[in-house]
Amino acid sequence: AEIGTRFALLKASVNGVAGAASAAGGGYLTDRLSRSEPRMAQWIPAAGSLLAVPFWIGTLSATSLEWSLAALFTEYLVAECWFGPTISSLQRAAPAGSQGLAQGVFNTLTLAGNLAPAFVGFLLTYKGFELPTALAYTVPVLYVAAAAAFFVAGEQLKMQMADEVTLGIEDD
């Protein structure tokens, strides 16, 4: 019972403290850096996703609970920086009359993304994977895929901005 209580408190600290700090930090960095480079709203989450991979692997391969949670804390600290930049980008990109719908679709897709644990459960139950192996492959692959999606979004923004300059469209 002692390890369960201790683990629960430490894990809650990881999720709450590191996740909140990352979300706020990602938003802050984006606000500051996107003034000179608007694609920072996509590049910061892309970088966070890529930086999370080695810390995730460290979480799984640590030799003690403390080291595992320290790696997980750092993983959350870099990985959760996507939230603020993504929401602000979504609101900027959506037309004024569609921002509520865009936010609703985003929330629905985020909920769909929470099906990843069910996919891991499927791999464990029906495909014979061991949990550490399944997590060692699925989470890094999803982080790299997220980084690629953020990078592509940044490149789309660059092309959109170039088109607006060519067409003489001013940002309000």
C-alpha atoms as a PDB file:
ATOM      1  CA  ALA A   1       0.000   0.000   0.000  1.00  0.00           C
ATOM      2  CA  GLU A   2       2.899   2.370   0.778  1.00  0.00           C
ATOM      3  CA  ILE A   3       4.376   2.130  -2.747  1.00  0.00           C
ATOM      4  CA  GLY A   4       0.915   2.641  -4.261  1.00  0.00           C
ATOM      5  CA  THR A   5       0.295   5.848  -2.326  1.00  0.00           C
ATOM      6  CA  ARG A   6       3.802   7.121  -2.990  1.00  0.00           C
ATOM      7  CA  PHE A   7       3.548   6.306  -6.685  1.00  0.00           C
ATOM      8  CA  ALA A   8       0.122   7.936  -6.977  1.00  0.00           C
ATOM      9  CA  LEU A   9       1.364  11.176  -5.427  1.00  0.00           C
ATOM     10  CA  LEU A  10       4.514  11.258  -7.542  1.00  0.00           C
ATOM     11  CA  LYS A  11       2.627  10.433 -10.752  1.00  0.00           C
ATOM     12  CA  ALA A  12       0.013  13.114 -10.019  1.00  0.00           C
ATOM     13  CA  SER A  13       2.858  15.598  -9.568  1.00  0.00           C
ATOM     14  CA  VAL A  14       4.347  14.561 -12.886  1.00  0.00           C
ATOM     15  CA  ASN A  15       1.061  14.958 -14.746  1.00  0.00           C
ATOM     16  CA  GLY A  16      -0.128  18.095 -13.009  1.00  0.00           C
ATOM     17  CA  VAL A  17       3.028  20.092 -12.433  1.00  0.00           C
ATOM     18  CA  ALA A  18       5.063  19.204 -15.516  1.00  0.00           C
ATOM     19  CA  GLY A  19       2.025  19.165 -17.814  1.00  0.00           C
ATOM     20  CA  ALA A  20       0.815  22.571 -16.641  1.00  0.00           C
ATOM     21  CA  ALA A  21       4.313  24.066 -16.769  1.00  0.00           C
ATOM     22  CA  SER A  22       4.798  22.730 -20.288  1.00  0.00           C
ATOM     23  CA  ALA A  23       1.440  24.014 -21.516  1.00  0.00           C
ATOM     24  CA  ALA A  24       2.085  27.474 -20.058  1.00  0.00           C
ATOM     25  CA  GLY A  25       5.706  27.492 -21.219  1.00  0.00           C
ATOM     26  CA  GLY A  26       4.765  26.454 -24.743  1.00  0.00           C
ATOM     27  CA  GLY A  27       2.207  29.228 -24.916  1.00  0.00           C
ATOM     28  CA  TYR A  28       4.647  31.787 -23.527  1.00  0.00           C
ATOM     29  CA  LEU A  29       7.440  30.776 -25.921  1.00  0.00           C
ATOM     30  CA  THR A  30       5.053  30.854 -28.846  1.00  0.00           C
ATOM     31  CA  ASP A  31       3.775  34.319 -27.932  1.00  0.00           C
ATOM     32  CA  ARG A  32       7.344  35.625 -27.721  1.00  0.00           C
ATOM     33  CA  LEU A  33       8.987  33.847 -30.645  1.00  0.00           C
ATOM     34  CA  SER A  34       6.128  33.923 -33.155  1.00  0.00           C
ATOM     35  CA  ARG A  35       6.373  37.707 -33.378  1.00  0.00           C
ATOM     36  CA  SER A  36       9.382  37.313 -35.644  1.00  0.00           C
ATOM     37  CA  GLU A  37       8.596  33.815 -36.984  1.00  0.00           C
ATOM     38  CA  PRO A  38       4.888  32.876 -37.074  1.00  0.00           C
ATOM     39  CA  ARG A  39       5.696  29.202 -37.660  1.00  0.00           C
ATOM     40  CA  MET A  40       7.000  28.966 -34.087  1.00  0.00           C
ATOM     41  CA  ALA A  41       3.422  28.068 -33.143  1.00  0.00           C
ATOM     42  CA  GLN A  42       4.032  24.814 -35.020  1.00  0.00           C
ATOM     43  CA  TRP A  43       7.769  24.430 -34.538  1.00  0.00           C
ATOM     44  CA  ILE A  44       7.682  24.609 -30.730  1.00  0.00           C
ATOM     45  CA  PRO A  45       5.247  21.667 -30.454  1.00  0.00           C
ATOM     46  CA  ALA A  46       7.228  19.778 -33.117  1.00  0.00           C
ATOM     47  CA  ALA A  47      10.423  20.244 -31.117  1.00  0.00           C
ATOM     48  CA  GLY A  48       8.670  19.246 -27.889  1.00  0.00           C
ATOM     49  CA  SER A  49       7.370  16.069 -29.507  1.00  0.00           C
ATOM     50  CA  LEU A  50      10.824  15.085 -30.726  1.00  0.00           C
ATOM     51  CA  LEU A  51      12.519  15.985 -27.438  1.00  0.00           C
ATOM     52  CA  ALA A  52      10.013  13.808 -25.586  1.00  0.00           C
ATOM     53  CA  VAL A  53      11.135  10.585 -27.295  1.00  0.00           C
ATOM     54  CA  PRO A  54      14.431   9.999 -25.429  1.00  0.00           C
ATOM     55  CA  PHE A  55      12.814  10.902 -22.109  1.00  0.00           C
ATOM     56  CA  TRP A  56       9.989   8.458 -22.788  1.00  0.00           C
ATOM     57  CA  ILE A  57      12.518   5.725 -23.499  1.00  0.00           C
ATOM     58  CA  GLY A  58      14.322   6.761 -20.302  1.00  0.00           C
ATOM     59  CA  THR A  59      11.045   6.383 -18.412  1.00  0.00           C
ATOM     60  CA  LEU A  60      10.742   2.790 -19.594  1.00  0.00           C
ATOM     61  CA  SER A  61      14.380   1.830 -19.118  1.00  0.00           C
ATOM     62  CA  ALA A  62      15.119   3.529 -15.777  1.00  0.00           C
ATOM     63  CA  THR A  63      16.580   1.377 -13.023  1.00  0.00           C
ATOM     64  CA  SER A  64      14.351   2.753 -10.262  1.00  0.00           C
ATOM     65  CA  LEU A  65      10.926   4.280  -9.751  1.00  0.00           C
ATOM     66  CA  GLU A  66      12.510   7.623  -8.926  1.00  0.00           C
ATOM     67  CA  TRP A  67      14.577   7.744 -12.126  1.00  0.00           C
ATOM     68  CA  SER A  68      11.602   6.584 -14.167  1.00  0.00           C
ATOM     69  CA  LEU A  69       9.395   9.333 -12.762  1.00  0.00           C
ATOM     70  CA  ALA A  70      12.180  11.907 -13.221  1.00  0.00           C
ATOM     71  CA  ALA A  71      12.401  10.956 -16.899  1.00  0.00           C
ATOM     72  CA  LEU A  72       8.604  11.003 -17.179  1.00  0.00           C
ATOM     73  CA  PHE A  73       8.504  14.451 -15.532  1.00  0.00           C
ATOM     74  CA  THR A  74      10.978  15.740 -18.121  1.00  0.00           C
ATOM     75  CA  GLU A  75       9.048  14.032 -20.913  1.00  0.00           C
ATOM     76  CA  TYR A  76       5.856  15.815 -19.835  1.00  0.00           C
ATOM     77  CA  LEU A  77       7.784  19.072 -19.438  1.00  0.00           C
ATOM     78  CA  VAL A  78       8.782  19.065 -23.104  1.00  0.00           C
ATOM     79  CA  ALA A  79       5.875  17.163 -24.656  1.00  0.00           C
ATOM     80  CA  GLU A  80       2.847  19.064 -23.409  1.00  0.00           C
ATOM     81  CA  CYS A  81       3.961  22.389 -24.901  1.00  0.00           C
ATOM     82  CA  TRP A  82       1.616  21.831 -27.850  1.00  0.00           C
ATOM     83  CA  PHE A  83      -1.653  22.841 -26.227  1.00  0.00           C
ATOM     84  CA  GLY A  84      -1.454  26.652 -26.153  1.00  0.00           C
ATOM     85  CA  PRO A  85       0.165  27.063 -29.566  1.00  0.00           C
ATOM     86  CA  THR A  86      -2.319  24.655 -31.137  1.00  0.00           C
ATOM     87  CA  ILE A  87      -5.379  26.372 -29.691  1.00  0.00           C
ATOM     88  CA  SER A  88      -4.127  29.824 -30.717  1.00  0.00           C
ATOM     89  CA  SER A  89      -3.290  28.584 -34.230  1.00  0.00           C
ATOM     90  CA  LEU A  90      -6.710  26.985 -34.520  1.00  0.00           C
ATOM     91  CA  GLN A  91      -8.463  30.184 -33.481  1.00  0.00           C
ATOM     92  CA  ARG A  92      -6.361  32.263 -35.907  1.00  0.00           C
ATOM     93  CA  ALA A  93      -7.000  29.902 -38.804  1.00  0.00           C
ATOM     94  CA  ALA A  94     -10.743  29.414 -38.307  1.00  0.00           C
ATOM     95  CA  PRO A  95     -13.080  32.017 -39.787  1.00  0.00           C
ATOM     96  CA  ALA A  96     -14.843  34.166 -37.174  1.00  0.00           C
ATOM     97  CA  GLY A  97     -18.190  32.415 -37.661  1.00  0.00           C
ATOM     98  CA  SER A  98     -16.671  28.935 -37.342  1.00  0.00           C
ATOM     99  CA  GLN A  99     -14.341  29.163 -34.347  1.00  0.00           C
ATOM    100  CA  GLY A 100     -16.770  27.364 -32.022  1.00  0.00           C
ATOM    101  CA  LEU A 101     -17.194  24.525 -34.507  1.00  0.00           C
ATOM    102  CA  ALA A 102     -13.436  24.337 -35.069  1.00  0.00           C
ATOM    103  CA  GLN A 103     -12.860  24.103 -31.310  1.00  0.00           C
ATOM    104  CA  GLY A 104     -15.544  21.416 -30.991  1.00  0.00           C
ATOM    105  CA  VAL A 105     -14.007  19.333 -33.781  1.00  0.00           C
ATOM    106  CA  PHE A 106     -10.570  19.774 -32.207  1.00  0.00           C
ATOM    107  CA  ASN A 107     -11.887  18.558 -28.839  1.00  0.00           C
ATOM    108  CA  THR A 108     -13.552  15.566 -30.502  1.00  0.00           C
ATOM    109  CA  LEU A 109     -10.318  14.640 -32.273  1.00  0.00           C
ATOM    110  CA  THR A 110      -8.430  15.010 -28.991  1.00  0.00           C
ATOM    111  CA  LEU A 111     -10.884  12.592 -27.391  1.00  0.00           C
ATOM    112  CA  ALA A 112     -10.375  10.198 -30.310  1.00  0.00           C
ATOM    113  CA  GLY A 113      -6.632  10.434 -29.671  1.00  0.00           C
ATOM    114  CA  ASN A 114      -7.299   9.165 -26.182  1.00  0.00           C
ATOM    115  CA  LEU A 115      -8.134   5.812 -27.752  1.00  0.00           C
ATOM    116  CA  ALA A 116      -4.390   5.095 -28.003  1.00  0.00           C
ATOM    117  CA  PRO A 117      -4.424   3.192 -24.668  1.00  0.00           C
ATOM    118  CA  ALA A 118      -7.179   0.968 -26.076  1.00  0.00           C
ATOM    119  CA  PHE A 119      -4.951   0.272 -29.089  1.00  0.00           C
ATOM    120  CA  VAL A 120      -2.087  -0.682 -26.775  1.00  0.00           C
ATOM    121  CA  GLY A 121      -4.505  -2.937 -24.881  1.00  0.00           C
ATOM    122  CA  PHE A 122      -5.446  -4.582 -28.181  1.00  0.00           C
ATOM    123  CA  LEU A 123      -1.772  -5.219 -28.957  1.00  0.00           C
ATOM    124  CA  LEU A 124      -1.280  -6.782 -25.535  1.00  0.00           C
ATOM    125  CA  THR A 125      -4.396  -8.919 -25.592  1.00  0.00           C
ATOM    126  CA  TYR A 126      -4.629 -10.077 -29.185  1.00  0.00           C
ATOM    127  CA  LYS A 127      -1.160  -9.697 -30.673  1.00  0.00           C
ATOM    128  CA  GLY A 128       0.968 -11.029 -27.825  1.00  0.00           C
ATOM    129  CA  PHE A 129       3.014  -7.885 -27.221  1.00  0.00           C
ATOM    130  CA  GLU A 130       4.501  -7.222 -23.806  1.00  0.00           C
ATOM    131  CA  LEU A 131       3.586  -3.849 -22.287  1.00  0.00           C
ATOM    132  CA  PRO A 132       7.134  -2.373 -22.220  1.00  0.00           C
ATOM    133  CA  THR A 133       7.692  -3.375 -25.853  1.00  0.00           C
ATOM    134  CA  ALA A 134       4.341  -1.968 -26.991  1.00  0.00           C
ATOM    135  CA  LEU A 135       4.978   1.313 -25.184  1.00  0.00           C
ATOM    136  CA  ALA A 136       8.584   1.525 -26.397  1.00  0.00           C
ATOM    137  CA  TYR A 137       7.378   1.492 -30.003  1.00  0.00           C
ATOM    138  CA  THR A 138       3.940   3.106 -30.064  1.00  0.00           C
ATOM    139  CA  VAL A 139       4.626   6.233 -28.016  1.00  0.00           C
ATOM    140  CA  PRO A 140       7.806   7.302 -29.887  1.00  0.00           C
ATOM    141  CA  VAL A 141       6.141   6.610 -33.249  1.00  0.00           C
ATOM    142  CA  LEU A 142       3.191   8.786 -32.245  1.00  0.00           C
ATOM    143  CA  TYR A 143       5.527  11.549 -31.028  1.00  0.00           C
ATOM    144  CA  VAL A 144       7.416  11.529 -34.332  1.00  0.00           C
ATOM    145  CA  ALA A 145       4.113  11.527 -36.253  1.00  0.00           C
ATOM    146  CA  ALA A 146       2.936  14.507 -34.193  1.00  0.00           C
ATOM    147  CA  ALA A 147       6.196  16.346 -34.891  1.00  0.00           C
ATOM    148  CA  ALA A 148       5.781  15.674 -38.612  1.00  0.00           C
ATOM    149  CA  ALA A 149       2.190  16.966 -38.521  1.00  0.00           C
ATOM    150  CA  PHE A 150       3.285  20.145 -36.734  1.00  0.00           C
ATOM    151  CA  PHE A 151       6.106  20.645 -39.237  1.00  0.00           C
ATOM    152  CA  VAL A 152       3.732  20.187 -42.203  1.00  0.00           C
ATOM    153  CA  ALA A 153       1.313  22.662 -40.601  1.00  0.00           C
ATOM    154  CA  GLY A 154       4.169  25.152 -40.289  1.00  0.00           C
ATOM    155  CA  GLU A 155       5.062  24.724 -43.948  1.00  0.00           C
ATOM    156  CA  GLN A 156       1.402  25.196 -44.911  1.00  0.00           C
ATOM    157  CA  LEU A 157       1.390  28.421 -42.906  1.00  0.00           C
ATOM    158  CA  LYS A 158       4.503  29.566 -44.777  1.00  0.00           C
ATOM    159  CA  MET A 159       2.808  28.905 -48.128  1.00  0.00           C
ATOM    160  CA  GLN A 160      -0.392  30.624 -46.988  1.00  0.00           C
ATOM    161  CA  MET A 161       1.564  33.675 -45.849  1.00  0.00           C
ATOM    162  CA  ALA A 162       3.415  33.797 -49.187  1.00  0.00           C
ATOM    163  CA  ASP A 163       0.086  33.603 -51.051  1.00  0.00           C
ATOM    164  CA  GLU A 164      -1.327  36.433 -48.930  1.00  0.00           C
ATOM    165  CA  VAL A 165       1.694  38.615 -49.703  1.00  0.00           C
ATOM    166  CA  THR A 166       1.364  37.814 -53.411  1.00  0.00           C
ATOM    167  CA  LEU A 167      -2.357  38.642 -53.375  1.00  0.00           C
ATOM    168  CA  GLY A 168      -1.869  41.741 -51.236  1.00  0.00           C
ATOM    169  CA  ILE A 169      -4.041  40.458 -48.376  1.00  0.00           C
ATOM    170  CA  GLU A 170      -3.328  42.232 -45.096  1.00  0.00           C
ATOM    171  CA  ASP A 171      -3.697  40.542 -41.707  1.00  0.00           C
ATOM    172  CA  ASP A 172      -6.221  42.423 -39.540  1.00  0.00           C
END
